[in-house]
Amino acid sequence: MGIMDTLKAKLAPAREKVSDLAHQHGHKIEHGLDKAARSVDHRTKGKYSDRIESGTGKAKQALDRLAHKDDGTHKGGEGTPPPAS
């Protein structure tokens, strides 16, 4: 067994736990992301709005991939492809 296989085996339970938490509390996490994005956008006076919006979108997509990896569902918006299997 290689080092990567060993590492993956040891991290699997943690990933499952994070996935379960993301699935259960996804709406709260998304709300926190939106709140943080609004705060940063306000403090930078809109100078980085496009980058903040892009980063927030990528974080939400990652959350969706994490939260829905096992049940095959996807709650992304229009035009958002489902995660690759």
N, C-alpha and C. Protein backbone atom coordinates (compact mmCIF):
# COMPACT_ATOMS: atom_id res chain seq x y z
N MET A 1 0.86 -1.17 0.00
CA MET A 1 0.00 0.00 0.00
C MET A 1 0.90 1.23 0.00
N GLY A 2 0.67 2.14 -0.94
CA GLY A 2 1.47 3.35 -1.03
C GLY A 2 1.08 4.37 0.01
N ILE A 3 1.88 5.39 0.10
CA ILE A 3 1.64 6.44 1.10
C ILE A 3 0.33 7.18 0.82
N MET A 4 0.01 7.38 -0.46
CA MET A 4 -1.24 8.07 -0.79
C MET A 4 -2.46 7.22 -0.41
N ASP A 5 -2.36 5.92 -0.63
CA ASP A 5 -3.47 5.03 -0.25
C ASP A 5 -3.67 5.05 1.26
N THR A 6 -2.58 5.04 1.99
CA THR A 6 -2.65 5.08 3.45
C THR A 6 -3.28 6.39 3.92
N LEU A 7 -2.84 7.48 3.31
CA LEU A 7 -3.37 8.79 3.66
C LEU A 7 -4.86 8.88 3.35
N LYS A 8 -5.26 8.40 2.18
CA LYS A 8 -6.68 8.43 1.82
C LYS A 8 -7.51 7.60 2.79
N ALA A 9 -7.00 6.44 3.17
CA ALA A 9 -7.72 5.57 4.10
C ALA A 9 -7.90 6.24 5.46
N LYS A 10 -6.87 6.96 5.91
CA LYS A 10 -6.96 7.62 7.21
C LYS A 10 -7.86 8.85 7.17
N LEU A 11 -7.94 9.51 6.03
CA LEU A 11 -8.76 10.73 5.93
C LEU A 11 -10.21 10.46 5.55
N ALA A 12 -10.52 9.25 5.12
CA ALA A 12 -11.89 8.93 4.68
C ALA A 12 -12.93 9.21 5.76
N PRO A 13 -12.74 8.80 7.01
CA PRO A 13 -13.76 9.10 8.02
C PRO A 13 -13.96 10.61 8.23
N ALA A 14 -12.89 11.37 8.17
CA ALA A 14 -13.00 12.82 8.34
C ALA A 14 -13.78 13.43 7.18
N ARG A 15 -13.52 12.96 5.98
CA ARG A 15 -14.22 13.48 4.81
C ARG A 15 -15.71 13.15 4.90
N GLU A 16 -16.03 11.96 5.34
CA GLU A 16 -17.44 11.58 5.49
C GLU A 16 -18.13 12.46 6.53
N LYS A 17 -17.44 12.76 7.62
CA LYS A 17 -18.01 13.61 8.67
C LYS A 17 -18.25 15.02 8.13
N VAL A 18 -17.27 15.56 7.41
CA VAL A 18 -17.41 16.90 6.84
C VAL A 18 -18.55 16.91 5.82
N SER A 19 -18.66 15.86 5.03
CA SER A 19 -19.73 15.76 4.05
C SER A 19 -21.10 15.75 4.73
N ASP A 20 -21.21 14.98 5.80
CA ASP A 20 -22.48 14.94 6.54
C ASP A 20 -22.83 16.30 7.13
N LEU A 21 -21.84 16.96 7.70
CA LEU A 21 -22.08 18.29 8.27
C LEU A 21 -22.47 19.30 7.20
N ALA A 22 -21.81 19.24 6.05
CA ALA A 22 -22.13 20.15 4.95
C ALA A 22 -23.54 19.89 4.45
N HIS A 23 -23.93 18.63 4.41
CA HIS A 23 -25.28 18.28 3.97
C HIS A 23 -26.33 18.80 4.96
N GLN A 24 -26.07 18.64 6.25
CA GLN A 24 -27.02 19.05 7.28
C GLN A 24 -27.10 20.57 7.44
N HIS A 25 -25.98 21.26 7.31
CA HIS A 25 -25.92 22.69 7.62
C HIS A 25 -25.56 23.56 6.42
N GLY A 26 -25.78 23.04 5.22
CA GLY A 26 -25.41 23.77 4.02
C GLY A 26 -26.03 25.15 3.92
N HIS A 27 -27.29 25.28 4.30
CA HIS A 27 -27.96 26.58 4.22
C HIS A 27 -27.32 27.59 5.16
N LYS A 28 -26.90 27.14 6.34
CA LYS A 28 -26.24 28.04 7.29
C LYS A 28 -24.87 28.47 6.77
N ILE A 29 -24.16 27.53 6.16
CA ILE A 29 -22.84 27.84 5.62
C ILE A 29 -22.96 28.83 4.47
N GLU A 30 -23.94 28.60 3.58
CA GLU A 30 -24.15 29.52 2.46
C GLU A 30 -24.53 30.91 2.96
N HIS A 31 -25.36 30.96 3.99
CA HIS A 31 -25.73 32.26 4.57
C HIS A 31 -24.49 32.97 5.10
N GLY A 32 -23.61 32.23 5.78
CA GLY A 32 -22.37 32.81 6.29
C GLY A 32 -21.46 33.30 5.17
N LEU A 33 -21.38 32.55 4.08
CA LEU A 33 -20.58 32.98 2.94
C LEU A 33 -21.12 34.28 2.36
N ASP A 34 -22.45 34.35 2.21
CA ASP A 34 -23.07 35.57 1.68
C ASP A 34 -22.82 36.76 2.61
N LYS A 35 -22.96 36.53 3.89
CA LYS A 35 -22.76 37.61 4.87
C LYS A 35 -21.32 38.11 4.85
N ALA A 36 -20.37 37.17 4.79
CA ALA A 36 -18.95 37.55 4.72
C ALA A 36 -18.65 38.30 3.43
N ALA A 37 -19.23 37.85 2.32
CA ALA A 37 -19.00 38.51 1.04
C ALA A 37 -19.54 39.93 1.05
N ARG A 38 -20.74 40.12 1.62
CA ARG A 38 -21.31 41.47 1.71
C ARG A 38 -20.42 42.37 2.57
N SER A 39 -19.94 41.83 3.66
CA SER A 39 -19.10 42.61 4.56
C SER A 39 -17.80 43.04 3.88
N VAL A 40 -17.14 42.11 3.22
CA VAL A 40 -15.89 42.43 2.53
C VAL A 40 -16.14 43.41 1.39
N ASP A 41 -17.22 43.20 0.66
CA ASP A 41 -17.55 44.11 -0.45
C ASP A 41 -17.81 45.51 0.07
N HIS A 42 -18.50 45.61 1.19
CA HIS A 42 -18.77 46.92 1.79
C HIS A 42 -17.47 47.59 2.24
N ARG A 43 -16.61 46.83 2.90
CA ARG A 43 -15.35 47.39 3.42
C ARG A 43 -14.39 47.81 2.30
N THR A 44 -14.48 47.15 1.17
CA THR A 44 -13.61 47.52 0.03
C THR A 44 -14.32 48.49 -0.91
N LYS A 45 -15.52 48.93 -0.49
CA LYS A 45 -16.31 49.90 -1.25
C LYS A 45 -16.59 49.45 -2.68
N GLY A 46 -16.82 48.13 -2.84
CA GLY A 46 -17.18 47.59 -4.15
C GLY A 46 -16.04 47.43 -5.13
N LYS A 47 -14.83 47.73 -4.71
CA LYS A 47 -13.69 47.70 -5.62
C LYS A 47 -13.43 46.29 -6.17
N TYR A 48 -13.71 45.27 -5.38
CA TYR A 48 -13.42 43.89 -5.77
C TYR A 48 -14.70 43.05 -5.88
N SER A 49 -15.81 43.68 -6.19
CA SER A 49 -17.10 42.98 -6.22
C SER A 49 -17.10 41.76 -7.13
N ASP A 50 -16.51 41.88 -8.32
CA ASP A 50 -16.51 40.75 -9.24
C ASP A 50 -15.71 39.58 -8.70
N ARG A 51 -14.59 39.86 -8.07
CA ARG A 51 -13.75 38.79 -7.50
C ARG A 51 -14.42 38.15 -6.28
N ILE A 52 -15.06 38.97 -5.48
CA ILE A 52 -15.76 38.46 -4.30
C ILE A 52 -16.91 37.56 -4.73
N GLU A 53 -17.66 38.00 -5.72
CA GLU A 53 -18.78 37.21 -6.23
C GLU A 53 -18.29 35.89 -6.82
N SER A 54 -17.20 35.94 -7.56
CA SER A 54 -16.63 34.73 -8.16
C SER A 54 -16.16 33.76 -7.08
N GLY A 55 -15.47 34.25 -6.09
CA GLY A 55 -14.98 33.40 -5.01
C GLY A 55 -16.10 32.80 -4.20
N THR A 56 -17.13 33.58 -3.95
CA THR A 56 -18.28 33.09 -3.19
C THR A 56 -18.99 31.98 -3.98
N GLY A 57 -19.12 32.19 -5.28
CA GLY A 57 -19.75 31.16 -6.13
C GLY A 57 -18.95 29.87 -6.14
N LYS A 58 -17.65 29.98 -6.22
CA LYS A 58 -16.80 28.78 -6.21
C LYS A 58 -16.88 28.06 -4.87
N ALA A 59 -16.94 28.82 -3.79
CA ALA A 59 -17.06 28.21 -2.46
C ALA A 59 -18.39 27.48 -2.32
N LYS A 60 -19.47 28.05 -2.86
CA LYS A 60 -20.78 27.40 -2.81
C LYS A 60 -20.81 26.14 -3.66
N GLN A 61 -20.15 26.17 -4.81
CA GLN A 61 -20.08 24.97 -5.65
C GLN A 61 -19.31 23.86 -4.95
N ALA A 62 -18.23 24.22 -4.27
CA ALA A 62 -17.46 23.23 -3.53
C ALA A 62 -18.30 22.65 -2.39
N LEU A 63 -19.07 23.49 -1.73
CA LEU A 63 -19.96 23.04 -0.67
C LEU A 63 -20.99 22.06 -1.23
N ASP A 64 -21.56 22.38 -2.38
CA ASP A 64 -22.53 21.48 -3.01
C ASP A 64 -21.90 20.13 -3.34
N ARG A 65 -20.69 20.16 -3.87
CA ARG A 65 -20.01 18.90 -4.20
C ARG A 65 -19.77 18.07 -2.94
N LEU A 66 -19.36 18.73 -1.89
CA LEU A 66 -19.10 18.03 -0.62
C LEU A 66 -20.38 17.47 -0.02
N ALA A 67 -21.41 18.28 0.00
CA ALA A 67 -22.65 17.91 0.67
C ALA A 67 -23.44 16.85 -0.08
N HIS A 68 -23.26 16.74 -1.37
CA HIS A 68 -24.11 15.85 -2.17
C HIS A 68 -23.32 14.76 -2.87
N LYS A 69 -22.14 14.43 -2.37
CA LYS A 69 -21.32 13.44 -3.06
C LYS A 69 -21.91 12.05 -3.01
N ASP A 70 -22.68 11.72 -1.97
CA ASP A 70 -23.17 10.36 -1.80
C ASP A 70 -24.57 10.12 -2.37
N ASP A 71 -25.45 11.12 -2.28
CA ASP A 71 -26.84 10.85 -2.65
C ASP A 71 -27.16 11.13 -4.12
N GLY A 72 -26.20 11.63 -4.89
CA GLY A 72 -26.40 11.81 -6.32
C GLY A 72 -27.23 13.02 -6.69
N THR A 73 -27.64 13.82 -5.73
CA THR A 73 -28.41 15.02 -6.04
C THR A 73 -27.49 16.20 -6.15
N HIS A 74 -28.02 17.28 -6.70
CA HIS A 74 -27.25 18.50 -6.86
C HIS A 74 -28.20 19.67 -6.77
N LYS A 75 -27.86 20.64 -5.93
CA LYS A 75 -28.77 21.77 -5.76
C LYS A 75 -28.18 23.06 -6.31
N GLY A 76 -27.35 22.96 -7.33
CA GLY A 76 -26.75 24.14 -7.93
C GLY A 76 -27.78 24.92 -8.71
N GLY A 77 -27.43 26.14 -9.09
CA GLY A 77 -28.34 26.99 -9.85
C GLY A 77 -28.37 26.60 -11.31
N GLU A 78 -29.12 27.38 -12.10
CA GLU A 78 -29.21 27.12 -13.51
C GLU A 78 -27.84 27.21 -14.15
N GLY A 79 -27.59 26.32 -15.08
CA GLY A 79 -26.34 26.35 -15.80
C GLY A 79 -25.17 25.79 -15.01
N THR A 80 -25.41 25.32 -13.81
CA THR A 80 -24.33 24.74 -13.01
C THR A 80 -24.36 23.24 -13.22
N PRO A 81 -23.30 22.69 -13.79
CA PRO A 81 -23.31 21.25 -14.04
C PRO A 81 -23.19 20.48 -12.74
N PRO A 82 -23.79 19.27 -12.72
CA PRO A 82 -23.65 18.44 -11.53
C PRO A 82 -22.20 18.01 -11.38
N PRO A 83 -21.79 17.64 -10.18
CA PRO A 83 -20.41 17.24 -9.97
C PRO A 83 -20.06 15.99 -10.77
N ALA A 84 -18.83 15.91 -11.21
CA ALA A 84 -18.37 14.75 -11.98
C ALA A 84 -18.25 13.56 -11.05
N SER A 85 -18.61 12.39 -11.57
CA SER A 85 -18.53 11.17 -10.76
C SER A 85 -17.22 10.48 -10.96
